[in-house]
Amino acid sequence: MLKLKTPFSQEDILKLNVGDVILVNGTIFTARDKAHKYLLENYAEQIKGGIIYHCGPLVKTINDNMNKRDNNNYIIISAGPTTSSRMNQFTPAIIEKYGIKAIIGKGGMDSKVLDSIKGRGVYLSAIGGLGALYAKLMKVKCVEKLEFGMPEAIWELEVKDFPVIVTMDAKENSIYDSVQQASKKRFLKLIGAKFQGI
């Protein structure tokens, strides 16, 4: 298990391999569909070289004022990963524009994203269903585009020992491809055995 602090360096990225378990410490940014569109149409300097977390957090506002941007006004209640494949269409351009070093989510991403992170980034899987636990490992630093709504806003979070698994690395390895190939091989073997018995 490796402890890494943000921002990740190029050396950090290149030493990571599929299957590695990491504890992330530092700053990450949540972004879902609306945030990705916004980031492509505008420019957010704070995202540059950072980590995007595919997450729509549930956040408690202490003073019940959603327009207040004071970070002390917010407490994360739940922050589990959302399905990353929804962001496939935006991600290569986001990586190119901002030099994103890592993406955290669940379910993996497509071959175009794998190609985009070659030599410069990783995809990290968080575990679905652990939103309440993850919330205990983070606090709000800042929030942008709150007008998009709580889950779609861009939340800048400080995380401590946030556990993730490398499932797509900078060497073009993808655990999702490996599982798919193994499943296909197993399926064909089962089908062949079935027909041989007829």
C-alpha atoms as a PDB file:
ATOM      1  CA  MET A   1       0.000   0.000   0.000  1.00  0.00           C
ATOM      2  CA  LEU A   2       1.380   3.378  -1.066  1.00  0.00           C
ATOM      3  CA  LYS A   3       0.710   6.786   0.436  1.00  0.00           C
ATOM      4  CA  LEU A   4       0.743   9.544  -2.160  1.00  0.00           C
ATOM      5  CA  LYS A   5       0.275  13.257  -1.713  1.00  0.00           C
ATOM      6  CA  THR A   6      -1.273  15.528  -4.295  1.00  0.00           C
ATOM      7  CA  PRO A   7      -0.340  16.886  -6.698  1.00  0.00           C
ATOM      8  CA  PHE A   8       0.998  13.615  -8.086  1.00  0.00           C
ATOM      9  CA  SER A   9       4.361  13.898  -9.814  1.00  0.00           C
ATOM     10  CA  GLN A  10       5.234  12.264 -13.115  1.00  0.00           C
ATOM     11  CA  GLU A  11       7.443   9.880 -11.153  1.00  0.00           C
ATOM     12  CA  ASP A  12       4.474   8.949  -8.929  1.00  0.00           C
ATOM     13  CA  ILE A  13       2.328   8.197 -11.970  1.00  0.00           C
ATOM     14  CA  LEU A  14       4.877   6.079 -13.791  1.00  0.00           C
ATOM     15  CA  LYS A  15       5.642   3.847 -10.818  1.00  0.00           C
ATOM     16  CA  LEU A  16       1.976   2.880 -10.362  1.00  0.00           C
ATOM     17  CA  ASN A  17       0.655  -0.400 -11.753  1.00  0.00           C
ATOM     18  CA  VAL A  18      -2.764  -1.985 -12.069  1.00  0.00           C
ATOM     19  CA  GLY A  19      -3.636  -3.590  -8.742  1.00  0.00           C
ATOM     20  CA  ASP A  20      -1.695  -1.145  -6.567  1.00  0.00           C
ATOM     21  CA  VAL A  21      -3.609   0.129  -3.530  1.00  0.00           C
ATOM     22  CA  ILE A  22      -3.050   3.803  -2.750  1.00  0.00           C
ATOM     23  CA  LEU A  23      -3.945   6.095   0.117  1.00  0.00           C
ATOM     24  CA  VAL A  24      -4.444   9.551  -1.387  1.00  0.00           C
ATOM     25  CA  ASN A  25      -3.686  12.605   0.727  1.00  0.00           C
ATOM     26  CA  GLY A  26      -4.263  16.184  -0.364  1.00  0.00           C
ATOM     27  CA  THR A  27      -6.664  17.910  -2.727  1.00  0.00           C
ATOM     28  CA  ILE A  28      -9.159  16.354  -5.141  1.00  0.00           C
ATOM     29  CA  PHE A  29     -12.004  17.915  -7.144  1.00  0.00           C
ATOM     30  CA  THR A  30     -15.434  16.394  -7.694  1.00  0.00           C
ATOM     31  CA  ALA A  31     -16.865  16.655 -11.194  1.00  0.00           C
ATOM     32  CA  ARG A  32     -19.876  15.098 -12.877  1.00  0.00           C
ATOM     33  CA  ASP A  33     -21.568  15.799 -16.225  1.00  0.00           C
ATOM     34  CA  LYS A  34     -22.326  19.524 -15.820  1.00  0.00           C
ATOM     35  CA  ALA A  35     -18.928  20.229 -14.300  1.00  0.00           C
ATOM     36  CA  HIS A  36     -17.140  18.508 -17.192  1.00  0.00           C
ATOM     37  CA  LYS A  37     -19.059  20.601 -19.739  1.00  0.00           C
ATOM     38  CA  TYR A  38     -18.271  23.740 -17.766  1.00  0.00           C
ATOM     39  CA  LEU A  39     -14.570  22.892 -17.500  1.00  0.00           C
ATOM     40  CA  LEU A  40     -14.349  22.386 -21.258  1.00  0.00           C
ATOM     41  CA  GLU A  41     -16.148  25.626 -22.083  1.00  0.00           C
ATOM     42  CA  ASN A  42     -14.275  27.700 -19.488  1.00  0.00           C
ATOM     43  CA  TYR A  43     -10.957  27.508 -17.654  1.00  0.00           C
ATOM     44  CA  ALA A  44     -10.404  26.645 -13.995  1.00  0.00           C
ATOM     45  CA  GLU A  45      -6.759  27.159 -13.028  1.00  0.00           C
ATOM     46  CA  GLN A  46      -7.124  25.273  -9.738  1.00  0.00           C
ATOM     47  CA  ILE A  47      -7.916  22.013 -11.585  1.00  0.00           C
ATOM     48  CA  LYS A  48      -4.638  22.058 -13.548  1.00  0.00           C
ATOM     49  CA  GLY A  49      -2.513  18.970 -12.895  1.00  0.00           C
ATOM     50  CA  GLY A  50      -5.015  17.778 -10.318  1.00  0.00           C
ATOM     51  CA  ILE A  51      -7.228  14.815  -9.541  1.00  0.00           C
ATOM     52  CA  ILE A  52     -10.866  14.598 -10.596  1.00  0.00           C
ATOM     53  CA  TYR A  53     -13.257  12.496  -8.530  1.00  0.00           C
ATOM     54  CA  HIS A  54     -16.416  11.309 -10.284  1.00  0.00           C
ATOM     55  CA  CYS A  55     -18.723  11.964  -7.362  1.00  0.00           C
ATOM     56  CA  GLY A  56     -21.918  13.820  -6.523  1.00  0.00           C
ATOM     57  CA  PRO A  57     -21.528  14.273  -2.768  1.00  0.00           C
ATOM     58  CA  LEU A  58     -24.283  14.695  -0.228  1.00  0.00           C
ATOM     59  CA  VAL A  59     -23.361  17.799   1.739  1.00  0.00           C
ATOM     60  CA  LYS A  60     -24.864  19.288   4.882  1.00  0.00           C
ATOM     61  CA  THR A  61     -24.998  23.077   5.042  1.00  0.00           C
ATOM     62  CA  ILE A  62     -24.559  24.254   8.609  1.00  0.00           C
ATOM     63  CA  ASN A  63     -26.200  27.643   8.128  1.00  0.00           C
ATOM     64  CA  ASP A  64     -28.700  26.411   5.544  1.00  0.00           C
ATOM     65  CA  ASN A  65     -27.375  28.885   3.001  1.00  0.00           C
ATOM     66  CA  MET A  66     -26.407  27.189  -0.245  1.00  0.00           C
ATOM     67  CA  ASN A  67     -25.018  30.456  -1.643  1.00  0.00           C
ATOM     68  CA  LYS A  68     -22.434  30.826   1.097  1.00  0.00           C
ATOM     69  CA  ARG A  69     -19.030  29.691  -0.141  1.00  0.00           C
ATOM     70  CA  ASP A  70     -17.372  29.593   3.276  1.00  0.00           C
ATOM     71  CA  ASN A  71     -15.828  26.126   3.565  1.00  0.00           C
ATOM     72  CA  ASN A  72     -16.759  26.002   7.255  1.00  0.00           C
ATOM     73  CA  ASN A  73     -20.398  26.015   6.215  1.00  0.00           C
ATOM     74  CA  TYR A  74     -20.245  22.510   4.714  1.00  0.00           C
ATOM     75  CA  ILE A  75     -19.876  18.973   6.027  1.00  0.00           C
ATOM     76  CA  ILE A  76     -19.645  15.975   3.689  1.00  0.00           C
ATOM     77  CA  ILE A  77     -22.243  13.348   4.644  1.00  0.00           C
ATOM     78  CA  SER A  78     -21.648  10.866   1.832  1.00  0.00           C
ATOM     79  CA  ALA A  79     -19.239  10.903  -1.089  1.00  0.00           C
ATOM     80  CA  GLY A  80     -19.177   7.598  -2.929  1.00  0.00           C
ATOM     81  CA  PRO A  81     -18.033   7.295  -6.553  1.00  0.00           C
ATOM     82  CA  THR A  82     -20.402   7.625  -9.475  1.00  0.00           C
ATOM     83  CA  THR A  83     -20.175   5.652 -12.735  1.00  0.00           C
ATOM     84  CA  SER A  84     -17.236   6.992 -14.734  1.00  0.00           C
ATOM     85  CA  SER A  85     -18.333   5.822 -18.175  1.00  0.00           C
ATOM     86  CA  ARG A  86     -20.801   8.715 -18.314  1.00  0.00           C
ATOM     87  CA  MET A  87     -17.790  11.014 -18.586  1.00  0.00           C
ATOM     88  CA  ASN A  88     -16.027   9.090 -21.383  1.00  0.00           C
ATOM     89  CA  GLN A  89     -16.997  11.668 -23.994  1.00  0.00           C
ATOM     90  CA  PHE A  90     -15.476  14.573 -22.040  1.00  0.00           C
ATOM     91  CA  THR A  91     -12.424  13.021 -20.439  1.00  0.00           C
ATOM     92  CA  PRO A  92      -9.756  12.965 -23.200  1.00  0.00           C
ATOM     93  CA  ALA A  93     -10.287  16.700 -23.794  1.00  0.00           C
ATOM     94  CA  ILE A  94     -10.277  17.414 -20.041  1.00  0.00           C
ATOM     95  CA  ILE A  95      -7.003  15.507 -19.625  1.00  0.00           C
ATOM     96  CA  GLU A  96      -5.453  17.392 -22.546  1.00  0.00           C
ATOM     97  CA  LYS A  97      -6.651  20.815 -21.394  1.00  0.00           C
ATOM     98  CA  TYR A  98      -5.772  20.495 -17.704  1.00  0.00           C
ATOM     99  CA  GLY A  99      -3.025  17.863 -17.584  1.00  0.00           C
ATOM    100  CA  ILE A 100      -5.094  15.786 -15.173  1.00  0.00           C
ATOM    101  CA  LYS A 101      -2.894  13.271 -13.365  1.00  0.00           C
ATOM    102  CA  ALA A 102      -5.581  10.969 -11.991  1.00  0.00           C
ATOM    103  CA  ILE A 103      -9.283  10.228 -12.212  1.00  0.00           C
ATOM    104  CA  ILE A 104     -11.141   8.511  -9.398  1.00  0.00           C
ATOM    105  CA  GLY A 105     -14.454   6.778 -10.028  1.00  0.00           C
ATOM    106  CA  LYS A 106     -16.071   3.390 -10.436  1.00  0.00           C
ATOM    107  CA  GLY A 107     -16.601   1.029 -13.333  1.00  0.00           C
ATOM    108  CA  GLY A 108     -13.647   2.089 -15.460  1.00  0.00           C
ATOM    109  CA  MET A 109     -13.492   4.087 -18.676  1.00  0.00           C
ATOM    110  CA  ASP A 110     -13.137   3.372 -22.387  1.00  0.00           C
ATOM    111  CA  SER A 111     -10.138   2.818 -24.645  1.00  0.00           C
ATOM    112  CA  LYS A 112      -9.968   6.491 -25.661  1.00  0.00           C
ATOM    113  CA  VAL A 113      -9.445   7.461 -22.031  1.00  0.00           C
ATOM    114  CA  LEU A 114      -6.859   4.692 -21.604  1.00  0.00           C
ATOM    115  CA  ASP A 115      -5.008   6.113 -24.597  1.00  0.00           C
ATOM    116  CA  SER A 116      -5.261   9.641 -23.147  1.00  0.00           C
ATOM    117  CA  ILE A 117      -3.622   8.681 -19.847  1.00  0.00           C
ATOM    118  CA  LYS A 118      -0.768   6.820 -21.531  1.00  0.00           C
ATOM    119  CA  GLY A 119       2.483   8.005 -19.995  1.00  0.00           C
ATOM    120  CA  ARG A 120       0.830  10.690 -17.892  1.00  0.00           C
ATOM    121  CA  GLY A 121      -2.093   9.541 -15.779  1.00  0.00           C
ATOM    122  CA  VAL A 122      -3.986   6.799 -13.972  1.00  0.00           C
ATOM    123  CA  TYR A 123      -7.556   5.771 -13.315  1.00  0.00           C
ATOM    124  CA  LEU A 124      -8.228   4.913  -9.685  1.00  0.00           C
ATOM    125  CA  SER A 125     -11.225   2.917  -8.520  1.00  0.00           C
ATOM    126  CA  ALA A 126     -13.089   3.834  -5.361  1.00  0.00           C
ATOM    127  CA  ILE A 127     -15.558   1.358  -3.881  1.00  0.00           C
ATOM    128  CA  GLY A 128     -19.257   1.924  -4.399  1.00  0.00           C
ATOM    129  CA  GLY A 129     -21.401   1.763  -1.270  1.00  0.00           C
ATOM    130  CA  LEU A 130     -18.779   3.312   0.996  1.00  0.00           C
ATOM    131  CA  GLY A 131     -19.909   6.916   0.624  1.00  0.00           C
ATOM    132  CA  ALA A 132     -20.470   7.490   4.349  1.00  0.00           C
ATOM    133  CA  LEU A 133     -17.072   6.031   5.200  1.00  0.00           C
ATOM    134  CA  TYR A 134     -15.314   8.095   2.550  1.00  0.00           C
ATOM    135  CA  ALA A 135     -17.017  11.218   3.911  1.00  0.00           C
ATOM    136  CA  LYS A 136     -15.132  10.775   7.178  1.00  0.00           C
ATOM    137  CA  LEU A 137     -11.857  11.040   5.274  1.00  0.00           C
ATOM    138  CA  MET A 138     -12.531  14.424   3.690  1.00  0.00           C
ATOM    139  CA  LYS A 139     -13.434  18.020   4.356  1.00  0.00           C
ATOM    140  CA  VAL A 140     -14.540  20.859   2.096  1.00  0.00           C
ATOM    141  CA  LYS A 141     -11.913  23.410   1.096  1.00  0.00           C
ATOM    142  CA  CYS A 142     -14.019  25.302  -1.429  1.00  0.00           C
ATOM    143  CA  VAL A 143     -17.002  24.923  -3.743  1.00  0.00           C
ATOM    144  CA  GLU A 144     -17.542  26.338  -7.222  1.00  0.00           C
ATOM    145  CA  LYS A 145     -20.626  26.402  -9.471  1.00  0.00           C
ATOM    146  CA  LEU A 146     -22.998  25.698  -6.604  1.00  0.00           C
ATOM    147  CA  GLU A 147     -25.745  26.964  -8.886  1.00  0.00           C
ATOM    148  CA  PHE A 148     -25.473  23.609 -10.695  1.00  0.00           C
ATOM    149  CA  GLY A 149     -26.874  21.951  -7.564  1.00  0.00           C
ATOM    150  CA  MET A 150     -25.125  20.100  -4.753  1.00  0.00           C
ATOM    151  CA  PRO A 151     -24.149  16.899  -6.636  1.00  0.00           C
ATOM    152  CA  GLU A 152     -23.119  18.707  -9.827  1.00  0.00           C
ATOM    153  CA  ALA A 153     -21.059  21.476  -8.225  1.00  0.00           C
ATOM    154  CA  ILE A 154     -17.261  21.342  -8.221  1.00  0.00           C
ATOM    155  CA  TRP A 155     -16.226  20.543  -4.666  1.00  0.00           C
ATOM    156  CA  GLU A 156     -12.591  21.034  -3.748  1.00  0.00           C
ATOM    157  CA  LEU A 157     -11.924  18.481  -1.026  1.00  0.00           C
ATOM    158  CA  GLU A 158      -9.038  17.795   1.320  1.00  0.00           C
ATOM    159  CA  VAL A 159      -8.696  14.028   1.775  1.00  0.00           C
ATOM    160  CA  LYS A 160      -6.685  11.996   4.272  1.00  0.00           C
ATOM    161  CA  ASP A 161      -5.721   8.377   3.574  1.00  0.00           C
ATOM    162  CA  PHE A 162      -8.433   8.052   0.920  1.00  0.00           C
ATOM    163  CA  PRO A 163      -8.176   4.404  -0.312  1.00  0.00           C
ATOM    164  CA  VAL A 164      -8.278   3.640  -4.036  1.00  0.00           C
ATOM    165  CA  ILE A 165      -7.035   0.915  -6.382  1.00  0.00           C
ATOM    166  CA  VAL A 166      -5.159   1.496  -9.639  1.00  0.00           C
ATOM    167  CA  THR A 167      -7.299  -0.126 -12.324  1.00  0.00           C
ATOM    168  CA  MET A 168      -5.942   1.686 -15.416  1.00  0.00           C
ATOM    169  CA  ASP A 169      -2.289   2.699 -15.448  1.00  0.00           C
ATOM    170  CA  ALA A 170      -0.001   4.899 -17.546  1.00  0.00           C
ATOM    171  CA  LYS A 171       1.424   1.816 -19.279  1.00  0.00           C
ATOM    172  CA  GLU A 172      -1.912   1.146 -21.044  1.00  0.00           C
ATOM    173  CA  ASN A 173      -2.878  -1.688 -18.701  1.00  0.00           C
ATOM    174  CA  SER A 174      -6.525  -1.935 -17.738  1.00  0.00           C
ATOM    175  CA  ILE A 175      -7.989  -4.395 -15.268  1.00  0.00           C
ATOM    176  CA  TYR A 176     -11.307  -4.008 -17.087  1.00  0.00           C
ATOM    177  CA  ASP A 177      -9.777  -5.202 -20.369  1.00  0.00           C
ATOM    178  CA  SER A 178      -8.109  -8.113 -18.588  1.00  0.00           C
ATOM    179  CA  VAL A 179     -11.363  -9.197 -16.933  1.00  0.00           C
ATOM    180  CA  GLN A 180     -13.282  -8.841 -20.195  1.00  0.00           C
ATOM    181  CA  GLN A 181     -10.740 -10.951 -22.100  1.00  0.00           C
ATOM    182  CA  ALA A 182     -10.682 -13.620 -19.391  1.00  0.00           C
ATOM    183  CA  SER A 183     -14.499 -13.683 -19.304  1.00  0.00           C
ATOM    184  CA  LYS A 184     -14.690 -14.005 -23.083  1.00  0.00           C
ATOM    185  CA  LYS A 185     -12.171 -16.856 -23.043  1.00  0.00           C
ATOM    186  CA  ARG A 186     -14.108 -18.628 -20.293  1.00  0.00           C
ATOM    187  CA  PHE A 187     -17.423 -18.075 -22.106  1.00  0.00           C
ATOM    188  CA  LEU A 188     -16.098 -19.508 -25.364  1.00  0.00           C
ATOM    189  CA  LYS A 189     -14.713 -22.494 -23.480  1.00  0.00           C
ATOM    190  CA  LEU A 190     -18.106 -23.143 -21.859  1.00  0.00           C
ATOM    191  CA  ILE A 191     -19.955 -22.766 -25.170  1.00  0.00           C
ATOM    192  CA  GLY A 192     -17.498 -25.119 -26.879  1.00  0.00           C
ATOM    193  CA  ALA A 193     -17.941 -27.727 -24.151  1.00  0.00           C
ATOM    194  CA  LYS A 194     -21.712 -27.432 -24.448  1.00  0.00           C
ATOM    195  CA  PHE A 195     -21.713 -28.042 -28.199  1.00  0.00           C
ATOM    196  CA  GLN A 196     -19.256 -30.902 -27.924  1.00  0.00           C
ATOM    197  CA  GLY A 197     -21.749 -32.673 -25.676  1.00  0.00           C
ATOM    198  CA  ILE A 198     -24.581 -32.479 -28.223  1.00  0.00           C
END
